[in-house]
Amino acid sequence: MAAIQLAKTLGAELQAVTVFKLPSASTAFAAAASPMLTETLMNDRREYYEQLLAEARESSRTYGVELATYLEEGEEVEAIVRCLVCNKADLLVIGLHRRSLHLSRLWSTVYELAQDAPCSVLGVH
């Protein structure tokens, strides 16, 4: 929501990136039992993220802001930085969750992004 409000106030272009993680090593065990299982899991996950991005685009439209969305595959930081570079982003807005079971992992990712991003980084609640 903060990014939508900021983009609207500044008349800026708004883009969102979601990272689609590649299958974990444990998925390989399932694939050994059923080769099509990995592909099915990946397709289901891709559809889920595409639906989330469609909902985000619709939500931003209700505020009068167009949202371009990207679904990137790979490791989180690398995929986000790749998208930032490709789209020549000026600012990365990161939503910070106050109650996360993976708080140390979240801060590690935020720190890595702050170090590697080719633009300014803003964390919001």
Foldseek 3Di string as FASTA:
>chain_A
DVQLVVCVVVVHAAEEEDEQEQDDPVVVVVCVVPVCVNVVVSVVSVVVVVVVVVVVQVVSVVVVHGYHYYYHYHDDLVRVQVVCVVVVDAEAEAEDDPDDPPVVVVVVSVVSNCVRHPHYYHYDD
